[in-house]
Amino acid sequence: MDLVHKSFFQNITEYSFIHDFVTFQMHDIVHDLASFISRNDYLLVNKKGQHIDKQPRHVSFGFELDSSWQVPTSLLNAYNLRTFLLPLHWSSPILYSESLLELSACNSILSSSRRFRVMNLTNTKSTKIPSSIGRMKHLRYLDLSCCDMVEELPRSITELINLETLLLNFCSKLRELPKDL
C-alpha cells in the first residue's frame, strides 16, 4: 500500500467472484518508463497474425486464443525466450469452453526452446502434457491451472530441477502426481 500512497499505483478496485483479489493500475508515467526500458525484451501480441520482427525474452498475449491459433514461426526461432504467458480466460474456471486452446498448438514452442523460466499454460485443452516439458531445465514456474482435461503429468516433469512453483488448480481429472515429484 506504500506504493499507492506514493502515487506509483492508482485506482484500487476489489473484485470477488470465485476468489477475492485486488487490482492496481500503474500510473501512466511509471507505465511509460517500464515500457521504454523493456521494449527490446518484452513483447505483447495484441492480434492474431501480428508480425513479430524481434527476438523477445518475454512474450504474452493480449487476446484470447482459440483452437485455430498456431505459434508464429518467428517465436520458434526466439532463442532467448524465457517467458511464455497465454492469456487468461475471464470466464469462471469451473465452466468448460469449447474455444479453449489445444495444447498441441503450443507443442512447437515447447519443443523449440529449453530456456523457459516461466510458462503459463492455463486453460489449455488437452488430456496430456507433452513429455518434452522435462527438457526445460531452467523452468521455475509452471501454471497448468484450469487444464481440467489433463489426466496425468508426464514422468519427465520430475526432471525439472529448478521448478519452484507448479500450479494445478481446477485440474479436476488429474488422478495422481508422478511418484518422485
N, C-alpha and C. Protein backbone atom coordinates (compact mmCIF):
# COMPACT_ATOMS: atom_id res chain seq x y z
N MET A 1 0.82 -1.20 0.00
CA MET A 1 0.00 0.00 0.00
C MET A 1 0.86 1.26 0.00
N ASP A 2 2.13 1.11 0.39
CA ASP A 2 3.01 2.26 0.42
C ASP A 2 3.19 2.84 -0.99
N LEU A 3 3.25 1.96 -2.01
CA LEU A 3 3.39 2.43 -3.39
C LEU A 3 2.15 3.18 -3.85
N VAL A 4 1.00 2.85 -3.30
CA VAL A 4 -0.24 3.58 -3.62
C VAL A 4 -0.16 4.99 -3.06
N HIS A 5 0.31 5.10 -1.84
CA HIS A 5 0.42 6.41 -1.21
C HIS A 5 1.45 7.30 -1.90
N LYS A 6 2.44 6.69 -2.54
CA LYS A 6 3.44 7.46 -3.27
C LYS A 6 3.04 7.69 -4.72
N SER A 7 1.82 7.32 -5.10
CA SER A 7 1.22 7.54 -6.42
C SER A 7 1.87 6.74 -7.56
N PHE A 8 2.57 5.64 -7.24
CA PHE A 8 3.06 4.76 -8.29
C PHE A 8 1.91 3.93 -8.85
N PHE A 9 0.96 3.60 -7.98
CA PHE A 9 -0.23 2.85 -8.38
C PHE A 9 -1.46 3.67 -8.03
N GLN A 10 -2.55 3.44 -8.76
CA GLN A 10 -3.78 4.19 -8.51
C GLN A 10 -4.99 3.31 -8.82
N ASN A 11 -6.18 3.83 -8.53
CA ASN A 11 -7.45 3.17 -8.82
C ASN A 11 -7.51 1.73 -8.29
N ILE A 12 -7.49 1.59 -7.01
CA ILE A 12 -7.57 0.28 -6.40
C ILE A 12 -9.03 -0.18 -6.45
N THR A 13 -9.24 -1.39 -6.95
CA THR A 13 -10.58 -1.94 -7.05
C THR A 13 -10.57 -3.36 -6.52
N GLU A 14 -11.56 -3.72 -5.74
CA GLU A 14 -11.67 -5.08 -5.24
C GLU A 14 -12.77 -5.81 -5.99
N TYR A 15 -12.49 -7.05 -6.37
CA TYR A 15 -13.46 -7.90 -7.04
C TYR A 15 -13.63 -9.18 -6.22
N SER A 16 -14.78 -9.77 -6.31
CA SER A 16 -14.92 -11.09 -5.72
C SER A 16 -15.95 -11.87 -6.52
N PHE A 17 -15.49 -12.94 -7.11
CA PHE A 17 -16.38 -13.84 -7.81
C PHE A 17 -16.12 -15.23 -7.23
N ILE A 18 -15.03 -15.81 -7.60
CA ILE A 18 -14.64 -17.07 -7.01
C ILE A 18 -13.62 -16.82 -5.91
N HIS A 19 -12.69 -15.93 -6.19
CA HIS A 19 -11.66 -15.57 -5.22
C HIS A 19 -11.69 -14.06 -5.03
N ASP A 20 -11.31 -13.62 -3.86
CA ASP A 20 -11.17 -12.18 -3.64
C ASP A 20 -9.79 -11.76 -4.13
N PHE A 21 -9.75 -10.69 -4.88
CA PHE A 21 -8.46 -10.14 -5.28
C PHE A 21 -8.60 -8.64 -5.49
N VAL A 22 -7.47 -7.99 -5.47
CA VAL A 22 -7.42 -6.54 -5.59
C VAL A 22 -6.61 -6.22 -6.84
N THR A 23 -7.05 -5.22 -7.60
CA THR A 23 -6.29 -4.80 -8.77
C THR A 23 -5.75 -3.39 -8.55
N PHE A 24 -4.61 -3.15 -9.15
CA PHE A 24 -3.98 -1.84 -9.09
C PHE A 24 -3.70 -1.39 -10.51
N GLN A 25 -3.83 -0.12 -10.74
CA GLN A 25 -3.49 0.44 -12.04
C GLN A 25 -2.19 1.22 -11.88
N MET A 26 -1.25 0.92 -12.76
CA MET A 26 0.03 1.60 -12.73
C MET A 26 -0.16 3.02 -13.25
N HIS A 27 0.48 3.97 -12.61
CA HIS A 27 0.43 5.36 -13.07
C HIS A 27 0.98 5.42 -14.49
N ASP A 28 0.42 6.28 -15.34
CA ASP A 28 0.81 6.38 -16.75
C ASP A 28 2.31 6.61 -16.94
N ILE A 29 2.88 7.47 -16.14
CA ILE A 29 4.31 7.78 -16.28
C ILE A 29 5.16 6.57 -15.92
N VAL A 30 4.78 5.84 -14.87
CA VAL A 30 5.51 4.63 -14.48
C VAL A 30 5.37 3.58 -15.58
N HIS A 31 4.17 3.45 -16.15
CA HIS A 31 3.95 2.51 -17.25
C HIS A 31 4.82 2.85 -18.46
N ASP A 32 4.85 4.12 -18.83
CA ASP A 32 5.66 4.55 -19.97
C ASP A 32 7.14 4.27 -19.75
N LEU A 33 7.62 4.51 -18.54
CA LEU A 33 9.02 4.24 -18.20
C LEU A 33 9.30 2.74 -18.29
N ALA A 34 8.44 1.92 -17.71
CA ALA A 34 8.63 0.47 -17.75
C ALA A 34 8.59 -0.05 -19.18
N SER A 35 7.68 0.48 -19.99
CA SER A 35 7.58 0.07 -21.40
C SER A 35 8.84 0.45 -22.17
N PHE A 36 9.37 1.63 -21.92
CA PHE A 36 10.57 2.08 -22.60
C PHE A 36 11.77 1.21 -22.24
N ILE A 37 11.92 0.92 -20.97
CA ILE A 37 13.06 0.13 -20.51
C ILE A 37 13.01 -1.30 -21.04
N SER A 38 11.81 -1.87 -21.13
CA SER A 38 11.68 -3.27 -21.51
C SER A 38 11.34 -3.48 -22.99
N ARG A 39 11.40 -2.45 -23.80
CA ARG A 39 10.93 -2.52 -25.18
C ARG A 39 11.62 -3.60 -26.02
N ASN A 40 12.87 -3.91 -25.74
CA ASN A 40 13.58 -4.92 -26.53
C ASN A 40 13.43 -6.33 -25.98
N ASP A 41 13.00 -6.44 -24.74
CA ASP A 41 12.91 -7.74 -24.09
C ASP A 41 11.50 -8.31 -24.03
N TYR A 42 10.50 -7.46 -24.04
CA TYR A 42 9.13 -7.89 -23.80
C TYR A 42 8.28 -7.67 -25.04
N LEU A 43 7.42 -8.63 -25.35
CA LEU A 43 6.51 -8.50 -26.49
C LEU A 43 5.10 -8.86 -26.05
N LEU A 44 4.18 -7.96 -26.28
CA LEU A 44 2.76 -8.21 -26.06
C LEU A 44 2.12 -8.38 -27.44
N VAL A 45 1.65 -9.58 -27.73
CA VAL A 45 1.00 -9.85 -29.01
C VAL A 45 -0.47 -9.49 -28.85
N ASN A 46 -0.93 -8.50 -29.61
CA ASN A 46 -2.29 -7.99 -29.45
C ASN A 46 -3.30 -8.51 -30.46
N LYS A 47 -2.83 -9.15 -31.52
CA LYS A 47 -3.79 -9.66 -32.50
C LYS A 47 -3.22 -10.88 -33.21
N LYS A 48 -4.12 -11.71 -33.70
CA LYS A 48 -3.71 -12.88 -34.45
C LYS A 48 -3.04 -12.43 -35.74
N GLY A 49 -2.00 -13.14 -36.12
CA GLY A 49 -1.30 -12.81 -37.35
C GLY A 49 -0.35 -11.64 -37.23
N GLN A 50 -0.14 -11.12 -36.02
CA GLN A 50 0.77 -9.99 -35.83
C GLN A 50 2.18 -10.40 -36.22
N HIS A 51 2.83 -9.57 -37.02
CA HIS A 51 4.20 -9.84 -37.44
C HIS A 51 5.14 -9.58 -36.26
N ILE A 52 6.00 -10.53 -36.00
CA ILE A 52 6.95 -10.41 -34.89
C ILE A 52 8.33 -10.34 -35.50
N ASP A 53 8.96 -9.16 -35.38
CA ASP A 53 10.24 -8.96 -36.03
C ASP A 53 11.40 -8.83 -35.06
N LYS A 54 11.17 -9.16 -33.81
CA LYS A 54 12.28 -9.08 -32.86
C LYS A 54 12.39 -10.38 -32.09
N GLN A 55 13.45 -10.52 -31.36
CA GLN A 55 13.71 -11.72 -30.58
C GLN A 55 13.48 -11.41 -29.09
N PRO A 56 12.24 -11.49 -28.64
CA PRO A 56 11.94 -11.12 -27.25
C PRO A 56 12.39 -12.18 -26.26
N ARG A 57 12.52 -11.76 -25.02
CA ARG A 57 12.79 -12.70 -23.93
C ARG A 57 11.50 -13.10 -23.24
N HIS A 58 10.49 -12.24 -23.31
CA HIS A 58 9.22 -12.48 -22.63
C HIS A 58 8.07 -12.20 -23.59
N VAL A 59 7.14 -13.14 -23.72
CA VAL A 59 6.00 -12.99 -24.63
C VAL A 59 4.71 -13.26 -23.87
N SER A 60 3.75 -12.38 -24.07
CA SER A 60 2.40 -12.62 -23.55
C SER A 60 1.40 -12.21 -24.62
N PHE A 61 0.18 -12.65 -24.43
CA PHE A 61 -0.86 -12.43 -25.44
C PHE A 61 -1.97 -11.59 -24.85
N GLY A 62 -2.41 -10.57 -25.59
CA GLY A 62 -3.44 -9.65 -25.13
C GLY A 62 -4.81 -9.98 -25.68
N PHE A 63 -5.00 -11.19 -26.15
CA PHE A 63 -6.30 -11.61 -26.66
C PHE A 63 -6.47 -13.09 -26.36
N GLU A 64 -7.70 -13.54 -26.29
CA GLU A 64 -7.95 -14.95 -26.02
C GLU A 64 -7.66 -15.77 -27.27
N LEU A 65 -6.93 -16.84 -27.08
CA LEU A 65 -6.58 -17.73 -28.18
C LEU A 65 -7.61 -18.84 -28.26
N ASP A 66 -7.86 -19.31 -29.46
CA ASP A 66 -8.77 -20.44 -29.60
C ASP A 66 -8.08 -21.57 -30.34
N SER A 67 -8.81 -22.60 -30.64
CA SER A 67 -8.21 -23.80 -31.22
C SER A 67 -7.63 -23.59 -32.62
N SER A 68 -7.92 -22.47 -33.27
CA SER A 68 -7.39 -22.22 -34.61
C SER A 68 -6.01 -21.55 -34.58
N TRP A 69 -5.53 -21.18 -33.41
CA TRP A 69 -4.28 -20.43 -33.30
C TRP A 69 -3.07 -21.34 -33.43
N GLN A 70 -2.02 -20.83 -34.07
CA GLN A 70 -0.74 -21.52 -34.17
C GLN A 70 0.36 -20.57 -33.72
N VAL A 71 1.40 -21.11 -33.13
CA VAL A 71 2.53 -20.30 -32.68
C VAL A 71 3.21 -19.68 -33.90
N PRO A 72 3.42 -18.35 -33.90
CA PRO A 72 4.13 -17.71 -35.02
C PRO A 72 5.53 -18.31 -35.18
N THR A 73 5.94 -18.56 -36.41
CA THR A 73 7.24 -19.19 -36.65
C THR A 73 8.40 -18.36 -36.13
N SER A 74 8.25 -17.05 -36.09
CA SER A 74 9.34 -16.21 -35.57
C SER A 74 9.57 -16.46 -34.08
N LEU A 75 8.53 -16.86 -33.36
CA LEU A 75 8.72 -17.19 -31.94
C LEU A 75 9.46 -18.51 -31.77
N LEU A 76 9.32 -19.40 -32.74
CA LEU A 76 10.01 -20.69 -32.66
C LEU A 76 11.52 -20.50 -32.77
N ASN A 77 11.94 -19.40 -33.38
CA ASN A 77 13.36 -19.12 -33.53
C ASN A 77 13.89 -18.18 -32.45
N ALA A 78 13.06 -17.81 -31.50
CA ALA A 78 13.47 -16.89 -30.44
C ALA A 78 14.29 -17.67 -29.41
N TYR A 79 15.58 -17.69 -29.63
CA TYR A 79 16.49 -18.50 -28.81
C TYR A 79 16.48 -18.10 -27.34
N ASN A 80 16.33 -16.81 -27.07
CA ASN A 80 16.41 -16.33 -25.69
C ASN A 80 15.06 -16.23 -24.99
N LEU A 81 14.02 -16.81 -25.56
CA LEU A 81 12.69 -16.73 -24.97
C LEU A 81 12.67 -17.39 -23.59
N ARG A 82 12.30 -16.61 -22.57
CA ARG A 82 12.29 -17.09 -21.19
C ARG A 82 10.88 -17.23 -20.61
N THR A 83 9.96 -16.40 -21.09
CA THR A 83 8.62 -16.36 -20.53
C THR A 83 7.60 -16.52 -21.64
N PHE A 84 6.62 -17.40 -21.42
CA PHE A 84 5.54 -17.63 -22.38
C PHE A 84 4.24 -17.65 -21.60
N LEU A 85 3.45 -16.59 -21.76
CA LEU A 85 2.21 -16.45 -20.99
C LEU A 85 1.01 -16.46 -21.92
N LEU A 86 0.17 -17.46 -21.77
CA LEU A 86 -1.08 -17.49 -22.51
C LEU A 86 -2.06 -16.55 -21.82
N PRO A 87 -3.03 -16.04 -22.55
CA PRO A 87 -3.98 -15.10 -21.93
C PRO A 87 -4.90 -15.82 -20.96
N LEU A 88 -5.37 -15.07 -19.97
CA LEU A 88 -6.34 -15.61 -19.04
C LEU A 88 -7.72 -15.55 -19.67
N HIS A 89 -8.50 -16.57 -19.44
CA HIS A 89 -9.90 -16.55 -19.86
C HIS A 89 -10.68 -16.06 -18.65
N TRP A 90 -11.38 -14.98 -18.79
CA TRP A 90 -12.03 -14.35 -17.64
C TRP A 90 -13.35 -14.98 -17.26
N SER A 91 -13.73 -16.04 -17.94
CA SER A 91 -14.93 -16.75 -17.50
C SER A 91 -14.57 -17.59 -16.29
N SER A 92 -15.55 -18.14 -15.66
CA SER A 92 -15.32 -18.97 -14.49
C SER A 92 -14.43 -20.14 -14.85
N PRO A 93 -13.40 -20.44 -14.04
CA PRO A 93 -12.53 -21.56 -14.35
C PRO A 93 -13.26 -22.90 -14.24
N ILE A 94 -14.43 -22.89 -13.65
CA ILE A 94 -15.17 -24.13 -13.49
C ILE A 94 -15.94 -24.45 -14.77
N LEU A 95 -16.28 -23.43 -15.55
CA LEU A 95 -17.05 -23.64 -16.77
C LEU A 95 -16.15 -24.09 -17.90
N TYR A 96 -16.60 -25.06 -18.65
CA TYR A 96 -15.83 -25.59 -19.77
C TYR A 96 -16.12 -24.77 -21.02
N SER A 97 -15.11 -24.48 -21.79
CA SER A 97 -15.30 -23.70 -23.01
C SER A 97 -14.80 -24.49 -24.21
N GLU A 98 -15.61 -24.56 -25.25
CA GLU A 98 -15.22 -25.25 -26.47
C GLU A 98 -14.12 -24.52 -27.22
N SER A 99 -13.93 -23.25 -26.92
CA SER A 99 -12.96 -22.46 -27.68
C SER A 99 -11.57 -22.45 -27.06
N LEU A 100 -11.35 -23.24 -26.02
CA LEU A 100 -10.04 -23.23 -25.38
C LEU A 100 -8.96 -23.73 -26.34
N LEU A 101 -7.77 -23.24 -26.13
CA LEU A 101 -6.63 -23.57 -26.97
C LEU A 101 -6.19 -25.00 -26.74
N GLU A 102 -5.97 -25.72 -27.82
CA GLU A 102 -5.42 -27.07 -27.74
C GLU A 102 -3.94 -26.95 -27.37
N LEU A 103 -3.50 -27.77 -26.45
CA LEU A 103 -2.09 -27.73 -26.06
C LEU A 103 -1.19 -28.10 -27.23
N SER A 104 -1.70 -28.87 -28.17
CA SER A 104 -0.89 -29.24 -29.34
C SER A 104 -0.46 -28.01 -30.14
N ALA A 105 -1.22 -26.91 -30.05
CA ALA A 105 -0.82 -25.67 -30.72
C ALA A 105 0.45 -25.11 -30.10
N CYS A 106 0.73 -25.46 -28.86
CA CYS A 106 1.92 -24.97 -28.17
C CYS A 106 3.08 -25.96 -28.23
N ASN A 107 2.84 -27.17 -28.75
CA ASN A 107 3.89 -28.19 -28.77
C ASN A 107 5.15 -27.71 -29.48
N SER A 108 4.98 -26.95 -30.56
CA SER A 108 6.15 -26.49 -31.30
C SER A 108 6.99 -25.54 -30.46
N ILE A 109 6.36 -24.68 -29.67
CA ILE A 109 7.12 -23.76 -28.82
C ILE A 109 7.72 -24.52 -27.63
N LEU A 110 7.02 -25.53 -27.15
CA LEU A 110 7.53 -26.33 -26.03
C LEU A 110 8.79 -27.09 -26.44
N SER A 111 8.82 -27.58 -27.66
CA SER A 111 9.97 -28.36 -28.09
C SER A 111 11.09 -27.51 -28.67
N SER A 112 10.81 -26.25 -29.02
CA SER A 112 11.83 -25.42 -29.66
C SER A 112 12.74 -24.70 -28.68
N SER A 113 12.26 -24.40 -27.50
CA SER A 113 13.07 -23.64 -26.55
C SER A 113 13.21 -24.41 -25.25
N ARG A 114 14.41 -24.45 -24.75
CA ARG A 114 14.66 -25.13 -23.48
C ARG A 114 15.08 -24.14 -22.40
N ARG A 115 14.98 -22.87 -22.69
CA ARG A 115 15.44 -21.84 -21.76
C ARG A 115 14.33 -21.17 -20.97
N PHE A 116 13.11 -21.67 -21.09
CA PHE A 116 12.00 -21.05 -20.38
C PHE A 116 12.24 -21.03 -18.88
N ARG A 117 11.86 -19.90 -18.26
CA ARG A 117 11.86 -19.78 -16.81
C ARG A 117 10.42 -19.80 -16.28
N VAL A 118 9.51 -19.18 -17.05
CA VAL A 118 8.10 -19.05 -16.65
C VAL A 118 7.23 -19.51 -17.81
N MET A 119 6.28 -20.39 -17.51
CA MET A 119 5.35 -20.83 -18.53
C MET A 119 3.95 -20.94 -17.93
N ASN A 120 3.01 -20.24 -18.57
CA ASN A 120 1.62 -20.28 -18.14
C ASN A 120 0.81 -20.93 -19.25
N LEU A 121 0.32 -22.13 -18.99
CA LEU A 121 -0.50 -22.86 -19.96
C LEU A 121 -1.93 -23.00 -19.44
N THR A 122 -2.36 -22.02 -18.67
CA THR A 122 -3.69 -22.02 -18.09
C THR A 122 -4.76 -22.17 -19.17
N ASN A 123 -5.78 -22.96 -18.86
CA ASN A 123 -6.95 -23.13 -19.73
C ASN A 123 -6.68 -23.80 -21.06
N THR A 124 -5.58 -24.53 -21.18
CA THR A 124 -5.38 -25.25 -22.43
C THR A 124 -6.19 -26.54 -22.39
N LYS A 125 -6.61 -26.97 -23.55
CA LYS A 125 -7.49 -28.13 -23.65
C LYS A 125 -6.69 -29.31 -24.19
N SER A 126 -6.33 -30.22 -23.31
CA SER A 126 -5.60 -31.41 -23.71
C SER A 126 -5.69 -32.42 -22.58
N THR A 127 -5.59 -33.69 -22.93
CA THR A 127 -5.60 -34.72 -21.89
C THR A 127 -4.19 -35.07 -21.44
N LYS A 128 -3.20 -34.59 -22.18
CA LYS A 128 -1.82 -34.98 -21.88
C LYS A 128 -0.87 -33.81 -22.03
N ILE A 129 0.02 -33.66 -21.08
CA ILE A 129 1.10 -32.67 -21.15
C ILE A 129 2.27 -33.37 -21.85
N PRO A 130 2.89 -32.74 -22.86
CA PRO A 130 3.98 -33.41 -23.58
C PRO A 130 5.18 -33.70 -22.69
N SER A 131 5.80 -34.84 -22.91
CA SER A 131 6.96 -35.22 -22.09
C SER A 131 8.15 -34.32 -22.36
N SER A 132 8.14 -33.60 -23.48
CA SER A 132 9.25 -32.69 -23.80
C SER A 132 9.39 -31.57 -22.77
N ILE A 133 8.38 -31.38 -21.94
CA ILE A 133 8.45 -30.34 -20.92
C ILE A 133 9.59 -30.62 -19.93
N GLY A 134 9.96 -31.88 -19.79
CA GLY A 134 11.05 -32.26 -18.89
C GLY A 134 12.41 -31.78 -19.33
N ARG A 135 12.54 -31.34 -20.58
CA ARG A 135 13.82 -30.84 -21.09
C ARG A 135 14.08 -29.38 -20.72
N MET A 136 13.11 -28.72 -20.15
CA MET A 136 13.25 -27.30 -19.79
C MET A 136 13.89 -27.17 -18.41
N LYS A 137 15.17 -27.39 -18.37
CA LYS A 137 15.90 -27.47 -17.10
C LYS A 137 15.86 -26.18 -16.29
N HIS A 138 15.61 -25.05 -16.92
CA HIS A 138 15.61 -23.77 -16.22
C HIS A 138 14.22 -23.34 -15.75
N LEU A 139 13.20 -24.11 -16.07
CA LEU A 139 11.82 -23.74 -15.75
C LEU A 139 11.63 -23.66 -14.23
N ARG A 140 11.13 -22.51 -13.77
CA ARG A 140 10.92 -22.29 -12.34
C ARG A 140 9.45 -22.20 -11.97
N TYR A 141 8.63 -21.78 -12.92
CA TYR A 141 7.21 -21.55 -12.65
C TYR A 141 6.39 -22.16 -13.78
N LEU A 142 5.50 -23.07 -13.44
CA LEU A 142 4.64 -23.72 -14.43
C LEU A 142 3.21 -23.69 -13.92
N ASP A 143 2.34 -23.03 -14.68
CA ASP A 143 0.93 -22.93 -14.31
C ASP A 143 0.09 -23.74 -15.29
N LEU A 144 -0.49 -24.80 -14.78
CA LEU A 144 -1.39 -25.65 -15.56
C LEU A 144 -2.81 -25.57 -15.03
N SER A 145 -3.12 -24.51 -14.33
CA SER A 145 -4.45 -24.34 -13.73
C SER A 145 -5.53 -24.37 -14.80
N CYS A 146 -6.67 -24.90 -14.42
CA CYS A 146 -7.86 -24.97 -15.28
C CYS A 146 -7.65 -25.83 -16.52
N CYS A 147 -6.64 -26.66 -16.51
CA CYS A 147 -6.47 -27.66 -17.58
C CYS A 147 -7.26 -28.88 -17.14
N ASP A 148 -8.57 -28.73 -17.15
CA ASP A 148 -9.41 -29.73 -16.50
C ASP A 148 -9.58 -31.03 -17.28
N MET A 149 -8.89 -31.17 -18.40
CA MET A 149 -8.92 -32.44 -19.13
C MET A 149 -7.65 -33.26 -18.90
N VAL A 150 -6.64 -32.66 -18.28
CA VAL A 150 -5.38 -33.36 -18.04
C VAL A 150 -5.61 -34.47 -17.01
N GLU A 151 -5.25 -35.68 -17.39
CA GLU A 151 -5.45 -36.83 -16.52
C GLU A 151 -4.20 -37.22 -15.76
N GLU A 152 -3.04 -36.95 -16.35
CA GLU A 152 -1.79 -37.27 -15.66
C GLU A 152 -0.68 -36.35 -16.16
N LEU A 153 0.32 -36.19 -15.32
CA LEU A 153 1.51 -35.41 -15.68
C LEU A 153 2.58 -36.38 -16.15
N PRO A 154 3.40 -35.97 -17.12
CA PRO A 154 4.45 -36.88 -17.58
C PRO A 154 5.51 -37.08 -16.50
N ARG A 155 6.10 -38.25 -16.49
CA ARG A 155 7.15 -38.54 -15.51
C ARG A 155 8.32 -37.58 -15.68
N SER A 156 8.52 -37.08 -16.88
CA SER A 156 9.64 -36.17 -17.16
C SER A 156 9.54 -34.86 -16.38
N ILE A 157 8.37 -34.56 -15.83
CA ILE A 157 8.22 -33.31 -15.06
C ILE A 157 9.07 -33.36 -13.79
N THR A 158 9.43 -34.56 -13.35
CA THR A 158 10.28 -34.69 -12.16
C THR A 158 11.72 -34.31 -12.46
N GLU A 159 12.06 -34.13 -13.73
CA GLU A 159 13.41 -33.74 -14.13
C GLU A 159 13.61 -32.23 -14.13
N LEU A 160 12.58 -31.49 -13.81
CA LEU A 160 12.67 -30.02 -13.76
C LEU A 160 13.30 -29.63 -12.42
N ILE A 161 14.61 -29.63 -12.38
CA ILE A 161 15.34 -29.45 -11.13
C ILE A 161 15.20 -28.05 -10.53
N ASN A 162 14.88 -27.06 -11.34
CA ASN A 162 14.73 -25.69 -10.84
C ASN A 162 13.29 -25.29 -10.60
N LEU A 163 12.35 -26.21 -10.81
CA LEU A 163 10.93 -25.89 -10.65
C LEU A 163 10.62 -25.55 -9.19
N GLU A 164 10.13 -24.34 -8.97
CA GLU A 164 9.76 -23.88 -7.63
C GLU A 164 8.26 -23.84 -7.43
N THR A 165 7.51 -23.54 -8.51
CA THR A 165 6.06 -23.40 -8.41
C THR A 165 5.39 -24.21 -9.51
N LEU A 166 4.48 -25.09 -9.11
CA LEU A 166 3.66 -25.85 -10.03
C LEU A 166 2.22 -25.67 -9.60
N LEU A 167 1.43 -24.97 -10.42
CA LEU A 167 0.03 -24.71 -10.09
C LEU A 167 -0.87 -25.66 -10.86
N LEU A 168 -1.74 -26.34 -10.11
CA LEU A 168 -2.65 -27.32 -10.70
C LEU A 168 -4.08 -27.08 -10.25
N ASN A 169 -4.44 -25.83 -10.03
CA ASN A 169 -5.80 -25.51 -9.58
C ASN A 169 -6.82 -25.90 -10.65
N PHE A 170 -7.94 -26.45 -10.21
CA PHE A 170 -9.06 -26.82 -11.09
C PHE A 170 -8.67 -27.84 -12.16
N CYS A 171 -7.72 -28.70 -11.86
CA CYS A 171 -7.39 -29.82 -12.74
C CYS A 171 -8.17 -31.03 -12.22
N SER A 172 -9.45 -31.03 -12.47
CA SER A 172 -10.36 -31.98 -11.83
C SER A 172 -10.16 -33.43 -12.25
N LYS A 173 -9.60 -33.68 -13.41
CA LYS A 173 -9.41 -35.07 -13.87
C LYS A 173 -8.02 -35.61 -13.56
N LEU A 174 -7.18 -34.80 -12.98
CA LEU A 174 -5.83 -35.24 -12.64
C LEU A 174 -5.93 -36.30 -11.54
N ARG A 175 -5.49 -37.51 -11.86
CA ARG A 175 -5.65 -38.63 -10.93
C ARG A 175 -4.53 -38.73 -9.92
N GLU A 176 -3.30 -38.57 -10.37
CA GLU A 176 -2.16 -38.68 -9.46
C GLU A 176 -0.97 -37.91 -10.01
N LEU A 177 -0.05 -37.63 -9.12
CA LEU A 177 1.18 -36.95 -9.50
C LEU A 177 2.28 -37.99 -9.67
N PRO A 178 3.29 -37.70 -10.48
CA PRO A 178 4.40 -38.64 -10.62
C PRO A 178 5.04 -38.92 -9.26
N LYS A 179 5.50 -40.13 -9.09
CA LYS A 179 5.99 -40.61 -7.80
C LYS A 179 7.09 -39.74 -7.20
N ASP A 180 8.03 -39.28 -7.99
CA ASP A 180 9.19 -38.55 -7.48
C ASP A 180 9.01 -37.04 -7.43
N LEU A 181 7.79 -36.57 -7.61
CA LEU A 181 7.56 -35.13 -7.63
C LEU A 181 7.56 -34.57 -6.23
